Amino acid sequence: MQQLTPRGLQAWLEDSGRPAPLLLDVREPWEYDIAHIQGSTLVPLSRIPAWLTGADPQQEIVVICHHGVRSHHAGLFLEHHGFSRVTNLVGGIDAWSREVDPHLPLY
């Protein structure tokens, strides 16, 4: 699994020559309601096994959580199930808020 910093993700999302990844947020709905990256998809960690059914294992996925721990576990799970293009957002939404979008609340 690749690791990506918030600045690295920002550069990727701003690169019009590169297809945007699926931003897979594995936090709980109440956390997502506090702060999330625009365009991200909420699938709480406990629902990832069910989500696999309709997912494309070849799609670029950046997994996001609060600090990067749950997303790392989700990424390992995805890789175990044949997803080969998985990236973990290092530091999670907390680091994104601190380094890229200071308007997002910290919690």
Protein backbone atom coordinates (compact mmCIF):
# COMPACT_ATOMS: atom_id res chain seq x y z
CA MET A 1 0.00 0.00 0.00
CA GLN A 2 1.22 3.44 -0.89
CA GLN A 3 1.36 6.25 1.66
CA LEU A 4 0.47 9.81 0.66
CA THR A 5 0.80 13.08 2.54
CA PRO A 6 -1.98 15.64 2.53
CA ARG A 7 0.10 17.92 0.26
CA GLY A 8 0.65 14.99 -2.09
CA LEU A 9 -3.08 14.33 -2.25
CA GLN A 10 -3.77 17.99 -2.84
CA ALA A 11 -1.34 17.99 -5.78
CA TRP A 12 -2.98 14.85 -7.19
CA LEU A 13 -6.47 16.34 -6.94
CA GLU A 14 -5.30 19.56 -8.62
CA ASP A 15 -3.58 17.71 -11.49
CA SER A 16 -6.07 17.88 -14.35
CA GLY A 17 -3.95 15.43 -16.35
CA ARG A 18 -4.39 12.67 -13.80
CA PRO A 19 -7.70 10.95 -13.06
CA ALA A 20 -8.97 11.69 -9.58
CA PRO A 21 -8.93 8.77 -7.15
CA LEU A 22 -11.89 7.53 -5.18
CA LEU A 23 -11.59 9.24 -1.80
CA LEU A 24 -12.84 6.52 0.54
CA ASP A 25 -13.54 7.91 4.00
CA VAL A 26 -13.83 5.06 6.52
CA ARG A 27 -14.79 7.13 9.57
CA GLU A 28 -18.17 7.16 11.28
CA PRO A 29 -20.97 9.40 9.97
CA TRP A 30 -20.71 11.78 12.94
CA GLU A 31 -17.01 12.30 12.18
CA TYR A 32 -17.67 12.83 8.48
CA ASP A 33 -20.31 15.43 9.39
CA ILE A 34 -17.69 17.42 11.33
CA ALA A 35 -15.12 17.53 8.54
CA HIS A 36 -14.48 15.77 5.25
CA ILE A 37 -12.68 16.31 1.98
CA GLN A 38 -14.95 17.57 -0.77
CA GLY A 39 -15.97 14.72 -3.06
CA SER A 40 -15.11 11.94 -0.63
CA THR A 41 -17.33 8.88 -0.21
CA LEU A 42 -18.28 7.77 3.29
CA VAL A 43 -18.12 4.02 3.92
CA PRO A 44 -17.55 3.36 7.64
CA LEU A 45 -14.87 0.78 8.34
CA SER A 46 -17.43 -1.78 9.55
CA ARG A 47 -19.20 -1.58 6.15
CA ILE A 48 -16.13 -2.09 3.96
CA PRO A 49 -16.73 -5.86 3.51
CA ALA A 50 -20.20 -5.20 2.07
CA TRP A 51 -18.90 -2.32 -0.05
CA LEU A 52 -16.42 -4.66 -1.78
CA THR A 53 -19.22 -6.34 -3.74
CA GLY A 54 -19.73 -3.47 -6.18
CA ALA A 55 -16.28 -1.92 -6.06
CA ASP A 56 -13.72 -1.91 -8.87
CA PRO A 57 -10.46 -3.50 -7.66
CA GLN A 58 -8.53 -1.59 -10.36
CA GLN A 59 -9.73 1.86 -9.30
CA GLU A 60 -7.27 4.24 -7.64
CA ILE A 61 -8.41 4.58 -4.03
CA VAL A 62 -7.17 6.92 -1.31
CA VAL A 63 -8.39 5.75 2.08
CA ILE A 64 -9.04 8.42 4.72
CA CYS A 65 -9.79 8.39 8.44
CA HIS A 66 -9.09 10.67 11.40
CA HIS A 67 -5.35 10.11 11.89
CA GLY A 68 -4.46 7.42 9.34
CA VAL A 69 -4.75 4.28 11.47
CA ARG A 70 -8.21 2.99 10.49
CA SER A 71 -7.53 3.90 6.88
CA HIS A 72 -4.30 1.90 6.98
CA HIS A 73 -6.21 -1.14 8.27
CA ALA A 74 -8.90 -0.63 5.62
CA GLY A 75 -6.22 -0.40 2.95
CA LEU A 76 -4.62 -3.66 4.08
CA PHE A 77 -8.06 -5.30 3.99
CA LEU A 78 -8.67 -3.99 0.47
CA GLU A 79 -5.30 -5.23 -0.72
CA HIS A 80 -6.00 -8.64 0.80
CA HIS A 81 -9.15 -8.74 -1.32
CA GLY A 82 -7.41 -7.95 -4.61
CA PHE A 83 -7.38 -4.16 -4.68
CA SER A 84 -3.98 -3.21 -6.06
CA ARG A 85 -4.17 0.59 -6.28
CA VAL A 86 -4.71 1.56 -2.65
CA THR A 87 -3.16 4.56 -0.94
CA ASN A 88 -3.41 5.62 2.70
CA LEU A 89 -3.69 9.32 3.58
CA VAL A 90 -0.95 9.77 6.18
CA GLY A 91 -2.26 11.70 9.18
CA GLY A 92 -5.85 11.48 7.97
CA ILE A 93 -8.36 14.32 7.94
CA ASP A 94 -6.57 15.83 10.93
CA ALA A 95 -3.39 16.37 8.89
CA TRP A 96 -5.45 17.51 5.89
CA SER A 97 -7.11 20.16 8.07
CA ARG A 98 -3.77 21.33 9.48
CA GLU A 99 -1.78 21.31 6.23
CA VAL A 100 -4.22 21.87 3.36
CA ASP A 101 -7.62 23.19 4.48
CA PRO A 102 -7.46 25.08 7.78
CA HIS A 103 -11.17 25.91 7.44
CA LEU A 104 -12.06 22.29 8.27
CA PRO A 105 -12.68 21.85 12.00
CA LEU A 106 -10.32 19.75 14.09
CA TYR A 107 -11.79 17.27 16.52
